[in-house]
N, C-alpha and C. Protein backbone atom coordinates (compact mmCIF):
# COMPACT_ATOMS: atom_id res chain seq x y z
N MET A 1 -36.57 28.77 45.72
CA MET A 1 -36.08 29.28 44.42
C MET A 1 -34.64 29.60 44.58
N ARG A 2 -34.16 30.10 45.62
CA ARG A 2 -32.82 30.45 45.62
C ARG A 2 -31.95 29.28 45.60
N LYS A 3 -32.40 28.17 46.32
CA LYS A 3 -31.52 26.84 46.17
C LYS A 3 -31.49 26.37 44.85
N ILE A 4 -32.60 26.34 44.07
CA ILE A 4 -32.69 25.97 42.79
C ILE A 4 -31.72 26.71 41.85
N SER A 5 -31.80 28.01 42.03
CA SER A 5 -30.86 28.87 41.24
C SER A 5 -29.52 28.61 41.59
N THR A 6 -29.12 28.35 42.88
CA THR A 6 -27.72 28.05 43.11
C THR A 6 -27.25 26.80 42.50
N VAL A 7 -28.10 25.81 42.61
CA VAL A 7 -27.68 24.45 42.05
C VAL A 7 -27.55 24.63 40.50
N TRP A 8 -28.46 25.41 39.80
CA TRP A 8 -28.35 25.62 38.53
C TRP A 8 -27.15 26.22 38.02
N ILE A 9 -26.70 27.22 38.83
CA ILE A 9 -25.40 28.04 38.57
C ILE A 9 -24.18 27.02 38.67
N MET A 10 -24.29 26.19 39.71
CA MET A 10 -23.16 25.22 39.91
C MET A 10 -23.24 24.14 38.81
N LEU A 11 -24.30 23.77 38.33
CA LEU A 11 -24.28 22.76 37.27
C LEU A 11 -23.77 23.42 35.98
N THR A 12 -24.28 24.68 35.80
CA THR A 12 -23.76 25.42 34.67
C THR A 12 -22.20 25.66 34.60
N MET A 13 -21.72 25.91 35.76
CA MET A 13 -20.24 26.05 35.91
C MET A 13 -19.47 24.84 35.69
N VAL A 14 -19.97 23.62 36.17
CA VAL A 14 -19.40 22.39 36.03
C VAL A 14 -19.43 22.01 34.55
N ALA A 15 -20.55 22.30 33.83
CA ALA A 15 -20.67 21.96 32.46
C ALA A 15 -19.60 22.80 31.58
N PHE A 16 -19.60 24.11 31.91
CA PHE A 16 -18.57 24.97 31.33
C PHE A 16 -17.10 24.43 31.43
N PHE A 17 -16.89 24.08 32.82
CA PHE A 17 -15.40 23.60 33.04
C PHE A 17 -15.14 22.27 32.20
N LEU A 18 -16.09 21.42 32.21
CA LEU A 18 -16.01 20.22 31.22
C LEU A 18 -15.67 20.53 29.76
N ILE A 19 -16.52 21.52 29.39
CA ILE A 19 -16.40 21.94 27.96
C ILE A 19 -15.00 22.41 27.72
N GLN A 20 -14.42 23.26 28.59
CA GLN A 20 -13.24 23.88 28.50
C GLN A 20 -12.08 22.90 28.47
N ILE A 21 -12.26 21.82 29.33
CA ILE A 21 -11.23 20.62 29.39
C ILE A 21 -11.29 19.99 27.97
N ASN A 22 -12.44 19.67 27.47
CA ASN A 22 -12.52 19.06 26.11
C ASN A 22 -11.92 19.93 25.08
N VAL A 23 -12.22 21.21 25.03
CA VAL A 23 -11.63 22.13 24.07
C VAL A 23 -10.22 22.07 24.07
N GLU A 24 -9.59 22.26 25.39
CA GLU A 24 -8.07 22.24 25.56
C GLU A 24 -7.47 20.96 25.20
N GLY A 25 -8.16 19.82 25.32
CA GLY A 25 -7.69 18.50 24.99
C GLY A 25 -7.52 18.53 23.48
N ASP A 26 -8.52 19.07 22.79
CA ASP A 26 -8.51 19.02 21.36
C ASP A 26 -7.51 19.84 20.77
N GLU A 27 -7.06 20.97 21.43
CA GLU A 27 -6.01 21.79 20.97
C GLU A 27 -4.67 21.20 21.17
N THR A 28 -4.61 20.33 22.22
CA THR A 28 -3.17 19.85 22.36
C THR A 28 -3.04 18.40 21.74
N ALA A 29 -4.18 17.76 21.35
CA ALA A 29 -4.06 16.52 20.60
C ALA A 29 -3.37 16.62 19.37
N THR A 30 -2.56 15.58 18.94
CA THR A 30 -1.88 15.67 17.66
C THR A 30 -2.57 14.80 16.74
N ASP A 31 -2.82 15.19 15.48
CA ASP A 31 -3.44 14.39 14.47
C ASP A 31 -2.39 14.03 13.60
N GLU A 32 -1.88 12.78 13.61
CA GLU A 32 -0.81 12.33 12.84
C GLU A 32 -1.25 11.00 12.11
N LYS A 33 -0.66 10.70 10.87
CA LYS A 33 -0.86 9.45 10.18
C LYS A 33 0.54 9.22 9.46
N HIS A 34 0.85 7.99 9.63
CA HIS A 34 2.19 7.57 9.06
C HIS A 34 2.22 6.38 8.30
N LEU A 35 2.90 6.39 7.17
CA LEU A 35 2.87 5.10 6.33
C LEU A 35 4.36 4.70 6.20
N ILE A 36 4.68 3.48 6.56
CA ILE A 36 5.96 2.90 6.48
C ILE A 36 6.01 1.75 5.58
N ILE A 37 6.82 1.71 4.52
CA ILE A 37 6.89 0.58 3.62
C ILE A 37 8.41 0.12 3.50
N VAL A 38 8.65 -1.25 3.85
CA VAL A 38 9.94 -1.75 3.60
C VAL A 38 9.74 -2.73 2.50
N SER A 39 10.73 -2.51 1.43
CA SER A 39 10.59 -3.45 0.31
C SER A 39 11.18 -4.79 0.66
N GLY A 40 10.48 -5.88 0.22
CA GLY A 40 11.01 -7.17 0.47
C GLY A 40 11.64 -7.71 -0.84
N TYR A 41 11.78 -6.88 -1.86
CA TYR A 41 12.44 -7.35 -3.10
C TYR A 41 13.85 -7.93 -2.79
N LEU A 42 13.94 -9.23 -3.17
CA LEU A 42 15.15 -10.07 -3.01
C LEU A 42 15.36 -10.24 -1.53
N GLY A 43 14.22 -10.21 -0.62
CA GLY A 43 14.29 -10.43 0.75
C GLY A 43 14.39 -9.26 1.57
N TYR A 44 13.86 -9.35 2.77
CA TYR A 44 13.84 -8.17 3.65
C TYR A 44 15.15 -8.20 4.41
N SER A 45 15.99 -7.12 4.04
CA SER A 45 17.37 -6.98 4.63
C SER A 45 17.23 -6.70 6.15
N HIS A 46 18.15 -7.06 6.97
CA HIS A 46 18.24 -6.75 8.42
C HIS A 46 18.39 -5.31 8.59
N ASP A 47 19.13 -4.57 7.87
CA ASP A 47 19.21 -3.11 8.01
C ASP A 47 17.95 -2.36 7.79
N SER A 48 17.25 -2.76 6.69
CA SER A 48 15.96 -1.94 6.30
C SER A 48 14.86 -2.25 7.38
N VAL A 49 14.80 -3.48 7.78
CA VAL A 49 13.80 -3.77 8.80
C VAL A 49 13.96 -3.17 10.05
N ASN A 50 15.27 -3.17 10.48
CA ASN A 50 15.60 -2.49 11.78
C ASN A 50 15.48 -1.05 11.81
N LYS A 51 15.76 -0.39 10.58
CA LYS A 51 15.62 1.11 10.67
C LYS A 51 14.08 1.41 10.66
N ALA A 52 13.40 0.80 9.86
CA ALA A 52 12.02 1.08 9.72
C ALA A 52 11.26 0.67 11.17
N SER A 53 11.73 -0.30 11.80
CA SER A 53 11.11 -0.74 13.10
C SER A 53 11.43 0.34 14.09
N SER A 54 12.62 0.87 14.20
CA SER A 54 13.12 1.88 15.07
C SER A 54 12.24 3.25 14.81
N TYR A 55 11.94 3.51 13.55
CA TYR A 55 11.23 4.73 13.11
C TYR A 55 9.75 4.52 13.67
N LYS A 56 9.26 3.34 13.48
CA LYS A 56 7.87 3.06 14.09
C LYS A 56 7.77 3.26 15.53
N GLU A 57 8.70 2.65 16.23
CA GLU A 57 8.78 2.94 17.67
C GLU A 57 8.92 4.36 18.04
N TYR A 58 9.57 5.21 17.33
CA TYR A 58 9.76 6.47 17.68
C TYR A 58 8.38 7.20 17.50
N LEU A 59 7.65 6.93 16.42
CA LEU A 59 6.39 7.46 16.10
C LEU A 59 5.46 7.19 17.30
N LYS A 60 5.56 5.93 17.77
CA LYS A 60 4.54 5.52 18.79
C LYS A 60 4.63 6.24 20.14
N THR A 61 5.75 7.06 20.29
CA THR A 61 5.91 7.93 21.42
C THR A 61 4.97 9.06 21.36
N ASN A 62 4.47 9.37 20.17
CA ASN A 62 3.47 10.50 19.87
C ASN A 62 2.06 10.23 19.48
N CYS A 63 1.93 9.00 18.94
CA CYS A 63 0.63 8.58 18.34
C CYS A 63 0.49 7.12 18.58
N SER A 64 -0.80 6.62 18.30
CA SER A 64 -1.11 5.19 18.64
C SER A 64 -0.70 4.32 17.41
N LYS A 65 -0.68 3.07 17.58
CA LYS A 65 -0.38 2.03 16.51
C LYS A 65 -1.38 2.17 15.35
N SER A 66 -2.63 2.52 15.65
CA SER A 66 -3.74 2.83 14.72
C SER A 66 -3.36 3.84 13.80
N ASP A 67 -2.48 4.72 14.12
CA ASP A 67 -2.13 5.92 13.24
C ASP A 67 -0.95 5.62 12.31
N ILE A 68 -0.57 4.24 12.37
CA ILE A 68 0.73 3.91 11.56
C ILE A 68 0.19 2.66 10.79
N TYR A 69 0.38 2.82 9.32
CA TYR A 69 0.28 1.65 8.55
C TYR A 69 1.66 1.15 8.24
N TYR A 70 2.06 -0.08 8.44
CA TYR A 70 3.34 -0.59 8.46
C TYR A 70 3.44 -1.88 7.70
N LEU A 71 4.10 -1.77 6.49
CA LEU A 71 4.32 -2.88 5.64
C LEU A 71 5.69 -3.28 5.59
N THR A 72 6.04 -4.36 6.15
CA THR A 72 7.34 -5.01 6.37
C THR A 72 7.32 -6.44 6.36
N ASP A 73 8.44 -6.96 6.80
CA ASP A 73 8.61 -8.42 6.87
C ASP A 73 7.36 -8.99 7.81
N PRO A 74 6.59 -9.90 7.28
CA PRO A 74 5.34 -10.58 8.02
C PRO A 74 5.76 -11.22 9.26
N LEU A 75 7.08 -11.51 9.42
CA LEU A 75 7.45 -12.11 10.73
C LEU A 75 7.44 -11.12 11.84
N ASP A 76 7.48 -9.79 11.56
CA ASP A 76 7.21 -8.72 12.61
C ASP A 76 5.79 -8.76 13.00
N ILE A 77 5.58 -8.93 14.36
CA ILE A 77 4.21 -9.08 14.82
C ILE A 77 3.29 -7.97 14.68
N GLU A 78 3.89 -6.73 14.36
CA GLU A 78 3.27 -5.50 14.24
C GLU A 78 3.07 -5.23 12.77
N SER A 79 3.59 -6.10 11.89
CA SER A 79 3.44 -5.77 10.32
C SER A 79 2.01 -5.88 9.97
N ASP A 80 1.47 -4.95 9.03
CA ASP A 80 0.32 -4.95 8.45
C ASP A 80 0.38 -5.75 7.11
N GLY A 81 1.47 -6.46 6.94
CA GLY A 81 1.48 -7.29 5.76
C GLY A 81 2.82 -7.08 4.88
N PRO A 82 3.04 -7.86 3.90
CA PRO A 82 4.35 -7.66 3.05
C PRO A 82 4.04 -6.50 2.16
N SER A 83 5.05 -6.00 1.58
CA SER A 83 4.91 -4.77 0.62
C SER A 83 4.72 -5.21 -0.66
N ASN A 84 3.67 -6.04 -0.92
CA ASN A 84 3.11 -6.32 -2.42
C ASN A 84 2.26 -5.27 -2.83
N LEU A 85 1.96 -5.35 -4.06
CA LEU A 85 1.07 -4.32 -4.86
C LEU A 85 -0.27 -4.07 -4.15
N SER A 86 -0.95 -5.21 -3.80
CA SER A 86 -2.24 -5.07 -3.24
C SER A 86 -2.23 -4.30 -1.70
N ASN A 87 -1.25 -4.72 -0.93
CA ASN A 87 -1.10 -3.96 0.41
C ASN A 87 -0.65 -2.49 0.11
N ILE A 88 0.18 -2.25 -0.78
CA ILE A 88 0.62 -0.91 -0.90
C ILE A 88 -0.49 0.01 -1.42
N GLU A 89 -1.30 -0.52 -2.41
CA GLU A 89 -2.55 0.31 -2.72
C GLU A 89 -3.38 0.56 -1.64
N LYS A 90 -3.65 -0.52 -0.86
CA LYS A 90 -4.49 -0.40 0.44
C LYS A 90 -3.89 0.59 1.28
N ALA A 91 -2.72 0.63 1.51
CA ALA A 91 -1.90 1.46 2.41
C ALA A 91 -2.13 3.04 2.03
N PHE A 92 -1.93 3.30 0.73
CA PHE A 92 -2.14 4.64 0.32
C PHE A 92 -3.68 5.09 0.41
N GLN A 93 -4.54 4.15 0.08
CA GLN A 93 -5.95 4.35 0.29
C GLN A 93 -6.28 4.79 1.65
N TRP A 94 -5.64 3.98 2.57
CA TRP A 94 -5.92 4.27 4.14
C TRP A 94 -5.39 5.63 4.45
N LEU A 95 -4.23 6.02 3.82
CA LEU A 95 -3.61 7.29 4.25
C LEU A 95 -4.54 8.42 3.68
N SER A 96 -5.11 8.33 2.54
CA SER A 96 -5.91 9.25 1.88
C SER A 96 -7.23 9.33 2.74
N SER A 97 -7.76 8.21 3.09
CA SER A 97 -9.04 8.17 3.75
C SER A 97 -9.03 8.82 5.15
N ASN A 98 -7.91 8.64 5.81
CA ASN A 98 -7.82 9.00 7.12
C ASN A 98 -7.08 10.31 7.53
N SER A 99 -6.74 11.07 6.47
CA SER A 99 -5.99 12.45 6.64
C SER A 99 -6.90 13.48 6.33
N ASN A 100 -6.73 14.59 6.95
CA ASN A 100 -7.38 15.85 6.70
C ASN A 100 -6.48 17.04 6.64
N SER A 101 -7.10 18.28 6.59
CA SER A 101 -6.29 19.45 6.56
C SER A 101 -5.58 19.70 7.81
N ASN A 102 -5.97 19.05 8.99
CA ASN A 102 -5.06 19.17 10.19
C ASN A 102 -4.23 18.05 10.51
N THR A 103 -3.96 17.13 9.63
CA THR A 103 -3.17 16.01 9.86
C THR A 103 -1.71 16.18 9.35
N LYS A 104 -0.84 15.78 10.23
CA LYS A 104 0.59 15.80 9.97
C LYS A 104 0.93 14.34 9.35
N VAL A 105 1.52 14.33 8.11
CA VAL A 105 1.75 13.03 7.61
C VAL A 105 3.16 12.77 7.35
N SER A 106 3.66 11.52 7.47
CA SER A 106 4.94 11.19 7.04
C SER A 106 4.83 9.83 6.31
N VAL A 107 5.57 9.73 5.17
CA VAL A 107 5.64 8.51 4.31
C VAL A 107 7.14 8.01 4.28
N TYR A 108 7.40 6.89 4.93
CA TYR A 108 8.87 6.39 5.02
C TYR A 108 8.83 5.17 4.00
N ILE A 109 9.75 5.23 3.06
CA ILE A 109 9.90 3.98 2.09
C ILE A 109 11.35 3.58 2.13
N PHE A 110 11.59 2.39 2.44
CA PHE A 110 13.09 1.78 2.41
C PHE A 110 13.09 0.85 1.26
N ASP A 111 13.66 1.27 0.12
CA ASP A 111 13.71 0.49 -1.11
C ASP A 111 14.81 1.05 -1.97
N HIS A 112 15.36 0.20 -2.79
CA HIS A 112 16.32 0.60 -3.86
C HIS A 112 15.59 1.10 -4.92
N ILE A 113 16.03 2.21 -5.68
CA ILE A 113 15.35 2.74 -6.78
C ILE A 113 16.19 2.59 -8.12
N THR A 114 15.68 2.44 -9.21
CA THR A 114 16.25 2.17 -10.38
C THR A 114 15.53 2.89 -11.49
N MET A 115 16.11 2.96 -12.71
CA MET A 115 15.49 3.52 -13.79
C MET A 115 14.98 2.42 -14.77
N ILE A 116 13.70 2.40 -15.06
CA ILE A 116 13.11 1.38 -15.90
C ILE A 116 12.31 2.22 -16.94
N ASP A 117 12.62 2.12 -18.25
CA ASP A 117 11.94 2.77 -19.32
C ASP A 117 11.87 4.28 -19.06
N HIS A 118 13.03 4.78 -18.54
CA HIS A 118 13.24 6.26 -18.32
C HIS A 118 12.40 6.79 -17.20
N ASN A 119 11.86 5.77 -16.32
CA ASN A 119 11.12 6.17 -15.24
C ASN A 119 11.87 5.78 -13.93
N ALA A 120 12.04 6.62 -12.90
CA ALA A 120 12.58 6.18 -11.62
C ALA A 120 11.47 5.21 -10.90
N THR A 121 11.97 4.06 -10.56
CA THR A 121 10.96 3.05 -10.16
C THR A 121 11.36 2.37 -8.84
N PHE A 122 10.38 2.16 -7.93
CA PHE A 122 10.56 1.31 -6.66
C PHE A 122 10.49 -0.14 -7.11
N LEU A 123 11.31 -0.97 -6.46
CA LEU A 123 11.27 -2.40 -6.67
C LEU A 123 10.73 -2.98 -5.41
N PHE A 124 9.39 -3.53 -5.39
CA PHE A 124 8.77 -3.93 -4.30
C PHE A 124 8.65 -5.48 -4.51
N ASP A 125 7.92 -6.13 -3.54
CA ASP A 125 7.96 -7.60 -3.40
C ASP A 125 7.60 -8.41 -4.71
N ASP A 126 6.33 -7.92 -5.28
CA ASP A 126 5.92 -8.64 -6.44
C ASP A 126 5.55 -7.64 -7.58
N CYS A 127 6.16 -6.40 -7.51
CA CYS A 127 5.84 -5.43 -8.52
C CYS A 127 6.88 -4.40 -8.61
N ASN A 128 6.91 -3.67 -9.76
CA ASN A 128 7.62 -2.41 -9.74
C ASN A 128 6.57 -1.28 -9.73
N ILE A 129 6.71 -0.15 -9.05
CA ILE A 129 6.02 0.93 -9.00
C ILE A 129 6.71 2.30 -9.35
N SER A 130 6.38 2.90 -10.34
CA SER A 130 7.06 4.10 -10.73
C SER A 130 6.82 5.26 -9.76
N THR A 131 7.76 6.15 -9.73
CA THR A 131 7.50 7.27 -8.82
C THR A 131 6.41 8.19 -9.20
N ASN A 132 6.07 8.21 -10.58
CA ASN A 132 4.94 8.94 -11.06
C ASN A 132 3.61 8.38 -10.33
N THR A 133 3.52 7.07 -10.13
CA THR A 133 2.47 6.44 -9.66
C THR A 133 2.39 6.80 -8.06
N ILE A 134 3.53 6.75 -7.48
CA ILE A 134 3.50 7.10 -6.04
C ILE A 134 3.11 8.62 -5.79
N ASP A 135 3.62 9.44 -6.70
CA ASP A 135 3.24 10.91 -6.72
C ASP A 135 1.84 11.07 -6.86
N SER A 136 1.07 10.35 -7.72
CA SER A 136 -0.23 10.53 -7.90
C SER A 136 -1.01 10.12 -6.55
N TRP A 137 -0.48 9.13 -5.95
CA TRP A 137 -1.24 8.61 -4.73
C TRP A 137 -1.01 9.64 -3.61
N LEU A 138 0.19 10.24 -3.58
CA LEU A 138 0.39 11.30 -2.59
C LEU A 138 -0.41 12.63 -2.82
N GLU A 139 -0.62 12.90 -4.06
CA GLU A 139 -1.57 13.89 -4.43
C GLU A 139 -2.98 13.84 -3.80
N MET A 140 -3.36 12.76 -3.67
CA MET A 140 -4.66 12.52 -3.15
C MET A 140 -4.92 12.68 -1.59
N VAL A 141 -3.63 12.82 -1.00
CA VAL A 141 -3.76 12.89 0.46
C VAL A 141 -3.74 14.37 0.85
N ILE A 142 -4.88 14.73 1.53
CA ILE A 142 -4.97 16.01 2.06
C ILE A 142 -4.56 16.05 3.51
N CYS A 143 -3.62 17.13 3.70
CA CYS A 143 -2.99 17.10 5.00
C CYS A 143 -2.47 18.49 5.38
N GLU A 144 -2.09 18.72 6.52
CA GLU A 144 -1.48 19.95 6.98
C GLU A 144 -0.01 20.08 6.53
N SER A 145 0.70 19.04 6.74
CA SER A 145 2.14 18.80 6.23
C SER A 145 2.43 17.44 5.91
N MET A 146 3.39 17.19 5.06
CA MET A 146 3.77 15.93 4.60
C MET A 146 5.28 15.90 4.50
N THR A 147 5.91 14.82 5.11
CA THR A 147 7.33 14.57 5.06
C THR A 147 7.51 13.32 4.47
N VAL A 148 8.28 13.13 3.37
CA VAL A 148 8.67 11.76 2.63
C VAL A 148 10.01 11.46 2.92
N ILE A 149 10.35 10.35 3.45
CA ILE A 149 11.72 9.93 3.74
C ILE A 149 11.93 8.78 2.86
N LEU A 150 12.98 8.65 2.13
CA LEU A 150 13.45 7.62 1.16
C LEU A 150 14.77 7.21 1.69
N ASN A 151 14.93 5.92 2.11
CA ASN A 151 16.11 5.28 2.34
C ASN A 151 16.37 4.20 1.23
N GLY A 152 17.74 3.90 0.97
CA GLY A 152 18.01 2.94 -0.03
C GLY A 152 19.02 3.49 -1.00
N GLU A 153 19.47 2.39 -1.77
CA GLU A 153 20.34 2.95 -2.93
C GLU A 153 19.64 3.86 -3.94
N ARG A 154 20.32 4.94 -4.36
CA ARG A 154 19.96 5.95 -5.36
C ARG A 154 18.58 6.51 -5.06
N SER A 155 18.45 6.72 -3.73
CA SER A 155 17.12 7.17 -3.26
C SER A 155 16.74 8.51 -3.68
N SER A 156 17.62 9.38 -4.10
CA SER A 156 17.28 10.75 -4.55
C SER A 156 16.80 10.78 -5.98
N LEU A 157 16.88 9.62 -6.68
CA LEU A 157 16.22 9.40 -7.93
C LEU A 157 14.69 9.58 -7.59
N GLY A 158 14.21 9.00 -6.53
CA GLY A 158 12.87 9.17 -6.22
C GLY A 158 12.51 10.47 -5.77
N GLY A 159 13.40 11.19 -5.03
CA GLY A 159 13.17 12.59 -4.65
C GLY A 159 12.90 13.47 -5.70
N GLU A 160 13.60 13.30 -6.88
CA GLU A 160 13.50 14.28 -7.96
C GLU A 160 12.13 14.25 -8.55
N TYR A 161 11.44 13.06 -8.52
CA TYR A 161 10.14 12.93 -8.90
C TYR A 161 9.02 13.21 -7.93
N LEU A 162 9.32 13.09 -6.76
CA LEU A 162 8.36 13.23 -5.61
C LEU A 162 8.33 14.64 -5.13
N LYS A 163 9.40 15.41 -5.32
CA LYS A 163 9.34 16.79 -4.76
C LYS A 163 8.16 17.61 -5.08
N ASP A 164 7.80 18.39 -4.19
CA ASP A 164 6.57 19.22 -4.33
C ASP A 164 6.60 20.34 -3.42
N SER A 165 6.05 21.56 -3.86
CA SER A 165 6.09 22.63 -2.91
C SER A 165 5.26 22.31 -1.59
N ASN A 166 4.41 21.23 -1.48
CA ASN A 166 3.74 21.03 -0.34
C ASN A 166 4.28 19.83 0.44
N ARG A 167 5.50 19.36 -0.01
CA ARG A 167 6.04 18.23 0.71
C ARG A 167 7.56 18.53 1.03
N GLU A 168 7.92 17.91 2.16
CA GLU A 168 9.40 17.85 2.51
C GLU A 168 9.93 16.52 2.24
N VAL A 169 10.90 16.51 1.22
CA VAL A 169 11.40 15.04 0.82
C VAL A 169 12.80 14.91 1.11
N ILE A 170 13.00 13.95 1.97
CA ILE A 170 14.39 13.63 2.47
C ILE A 170 14.90 12.33 1.85
N CYS A 171 16.02 12.33 1.20
CA CYS A 171 16.68 11.16 0.58
C CYS A 171 17.87 10.91 1.30
N SER A 172 18.22 9.65 1.44
CA SER A 172 19.47 9.14 2.19
C SER A 172 20.79 9.31 1.49
N MET A 173 20.53 9.43 0.06
CA MET A 173 21.91 9.49 -0.56
C MET A 173 21.53 10.04 -2.10
N GLU A 174 22.63 10.36 -2.80
CA GLU A 174 22.58 10.95 -4.13
C GLU A 174 22.05 9.90 -5.15
N TYR A 175 21.52 10.24 -6.34
CA TYR A 175 21.03 9.42 -7.26
C TYR A 175 21.95 8.35 -7.83
N TYR A 176 23.30 8.68 -7.75
CA TYR A 176 24.40 7.85 -8.24
C TYR A 176 24.99 6.88 -7.20
N GLN A 177 24.62 7.14 -5.96
CA GLN A 177 25.22 6.36 -4.82
C GLN A 177 24.51 5.11 -4.49
N GLU A 178 25.30 4.02 -4.12
CA GLU A 178 24.72 2.78 -3.86
C GLU A 178 25.23 2.23 -2.50
N PHE A 179 25.20 2.88 -1.45
CA PHE A 179 25.59 2.41 -0.21
C PHE A 179 24.68 1.36 0.40
N ASP A 180 25.23 0.19 0.72
CA ASP A 180 24.48 -0.86 1.22
C ASP A 180 25.44 -1.66 2.11
N PRO A 181 25.05 -1.51 3.58
CA PRO A 181 23.98 -0.91 4.12
C PRO A 181 23.88 0.67 3.96
N ASP A 182 22.84 1.21 4.01
CA ASP A 182 22.54 2.72 4.07
C ASP A 182 22.83 3.18 5.44
N ASN A 183 23.76 4.16 5.49
CA ASN A 183 24.28 4.73 6.65
C ASN A 183 23.14 5.82 7.25
N PHE A 184 22.39 6.26 6.37
CA PHE A 184 21.55 7.37 6.86
C PHE A 184 20.36 6.77 7.81
N ASN A 185 20.15 7.39 8.94
CA ASN A 185 19.13 6.75 9.93
C ASN A 185 18.59 8.02 10.54
N ILE A 186 17.33 8.44 10.04
CA ILE A 186 16.60 9.61 10.43
C ILE A 186 16.13 9.47 11.95
N THR A 187 15.83 8.31 12.34
CA THR A 187 15.45 8.11 13.78
C THR A 187 16.53 8.41 14.66
N ARG A 188 17.81 8.02 14.34
CA ARG A 188 18.93 8.36 15.31
C ARG A 188 18.91 9.79 15.64
N SER A 189 18.69 10.59 14.62
CA SER A 189 18.81 12.05 14.82
C SER A 189 17.54 12.59 15.39
N LEU A 190 16.36 12.03 15.11
CA LEU A 190 15.03 12.60 15.77
C LEU A 190 15.01 12.29 17.18
N GLU A 191 15.84 11.29 17.68
CA GLU A 191 15.93 11.07 19.13
C GLU A 191 17.19 11.62 19.77
N ASP A 192 18.07 12.22 18.96
CA ASP A 192 19.28 12.93 19.56
C ASP A 192 18.87 14.32 19.80
N GLN A 193 19.03 14.70 21.13
CA GLN A 193 18.72 16.05 21.58
C GLN A 193 19.72 17.01 21.11
N THR A 194 20.82 16.76 20.57
CA THR A 194 21.80 17.75 20.05
C THR A 194 21.34 18.00 18.63
N SER A 195 20.33 17.39 18.09
CA SER A 195 19.78 17.83 16.76
C SER A 195 18.88 19.15 16.99
N ASP A 196 18.40 19.50 18.18
CA ASP A 196 17.55 20.55 18.44
C ASP A 196 18.38 21.92 18.28
N ILE A 197 18.60 22.31 17.00
CA ILE A 197 19.39 23.34 16.69
C ILE A 197 18.79 24.76 17.23
N ASN A 198 17.50 24.91 17.13
CA ASN A 198 16.93 26.28 17.57
C ASN A 198 16.46 26.20 19.07
N GLY A 199 16.81 25.06 19.75
CA GLY A 199 16.57 25.03 21.18
C GLY A 199 15.12 25.22 21.61
N ASP A 200 14.16 24.74 20.87
CA ASP A 200 12.79 24.84 21.09
C ASP A 200 12.24 23.67 21.93
N GLY A 201 13.08 22.69 22.06
CA GLY A 201 12.63 21.43 22.83
C GLY A 201 12.09 20.43 21.90
N GLU A 202 11.84 20.74 20.71
CA GLU A 202 11.44 19.76 19.69
C GLU A 202 12.42 19.56 18.56
N ILE A 203 12.55 18.37 18.04
CA ILE A 203 13.38 18.06 16.91
C ILE A 203 12.52 17.96 15.66
N SER A 204 12.73 18.75 14.71
CA SER A 204 11.97 18.70 13.36
C SER A 204 12.74 17.76 12.50
N TYR A 205 12.03 17.32 11.39
CA TYR A 205 12.70 16.45 10.37
C TYR A 205 13.81 17.14 9.74
N LEU A 206 13.68 18.56 9.53
CA LEU A 206 14.79 19.28 8.87
C LEU A 206 16.10 19.30 9.84
N GLU A 207 15.88 19.45 11.15
CA GLU A 207 16.86 19.48 12.05
C GLU A 207 17.59 18.11 12.25
N ALA A 208 16.69 17.01 12.16
CA ALA A 208 17.23 15.65 12.13
C ALA A 208 18.14 15.44 11.00
N TYR A 209 17.51 15.86 9.71
CA TYR A 209 18.32 15.66 8.43
C TYR A 209 19.64 16.46 8.59
N GLN A 210 19.65 17.62 8.96
CA GLN A 210 20.97 18.41 9.21
C GLN A 210 22.02 17.67 10.14
N ASN A 211 21.43 17.07 11.11
CA ASN A 211 22.33 16.34 12.07
C ASN A 211 22.99 15.11 11.35
N GLU A 212 21.95 14.40 10.56
CA GLU A 212 22.55 13.15 9.83
C GLU A 212 23.58 13.58 8.75
N CYS A 213 23.33 14.78 8.20
CA CYS A 213 24.43 15.24 7.22
C CYS A 213 25.80 15.39 7.86
N GLU A 214 25.77 16.03 9.12
CA GLU A 214 27.02 15.99 9.96
C GLU A 214 27.68 14.72 10.30
N LEU A 215 26.81 13.77 10.69
CA LEU A 215 27.28 12.39 11.05
C LEU A 215 27.85 11.76 9.82
N LEU A 216 27.45 11.86 8.71
CA LEU A 216 27.93 11.21 7.51
C LEU A 216 28.88 12.10 6.74
N GLU A 217 29.31 13.11 7.24
CA GLU A 217 30.16 14.11 6.37
C GLU A 217 31.45 13.36 5.91
N ASN A 218 32.03 12.38 6.64
CA ASN A 218 33.32 11.79 6.16
C ASN A 218 33.08 10.60 5.67
N THR A 219 31.91 10.00 5.36
CA THR A 219 31.61 8.70 4.86
C THR A 219 31.51 8.60 3.30
N GLY A 220 31.44 9.78 2.63
CA GLY A 220 31.15 9.79 1.27
C GLY A 220 29.71 9.71 0.84
N GLN A 221 28.81 9.46 1.80
CA GLN A 221 27.45 9.45 1.57
C GLN A 221 26.80 10.76 1.57
N ASN A 222 26.07 11.18 0.69
CA ASN A 222 25.52 12.50 0.64
C ASN A 222 23.95 12.58 0.69
N PRO A 223 23.27 12.85 1.85
CA PRO A 223 21.84 12.89 1.77
C PRO A 223 21.40 14.11 1.04
N VAL A 224 20.21 14.12 0.54
CA VAL A 224 19.67 15.16 -0.17
C VAL A 224 18.32 15.61 0.32
N ILE A 225 17.79 16.77 0.30
CA ILE A 225 16.51 17.26 0.74
C ILE A 225 15.84 18.22 -0.25
N TRP A 226 14.54 18.18 -0.35
CA TRP A 226 13.73 19.08 -0.98
C TRP A 226 12.77 19.70 -0.06
N ILE A 227 12.71 21.10 0.08
CA ILE A 227 11.73 21.63 1.07
C ILE A 227 10.93 22.73 0.46
């Protein structure tokens, strides 16, 4: 009986240890989902494709490719397809279906924005999509936090309509500016350790944004943020 009791205690301790490992693993695991859309309107520009690709590679240091939905030039082997209406709708459905209250979400869109019928509008491969429509899709995403990053001419036009108390919206330039190529590069500052203003060892989107503002200070390009 004493041997049986000892074995039972040892098995119980091993089981408890394994449970602890599992719990600790869950606590440290990051739940992230990211949507990247590069407009192919008038063709996929070298600048937009490269910036989006570098952002994707940055994200892959903290999450797997399956956590990223990537619409860009189909010539990119990791592309989930071109940014046409059908694929964009599928992408936002994926984001909504795979996020929850513990998920950190980012939505990165590289596109020029213009006003059509008094609505700020994205110009994609085979369609125009209003910021009101994008906003309604974002509203369906349940998440812990959301950061929206807009690159491209007049990007803060989109920010005006997509800003929300539950979102951090970062725009590369003012609504009246048309810098092409776009000098704003969020990935550059996310990877730059000098962006770590509070010294906690991590670089937030806000810290990266502030660093980009400093880098662009003498260029005439003025990034905008809503938090």
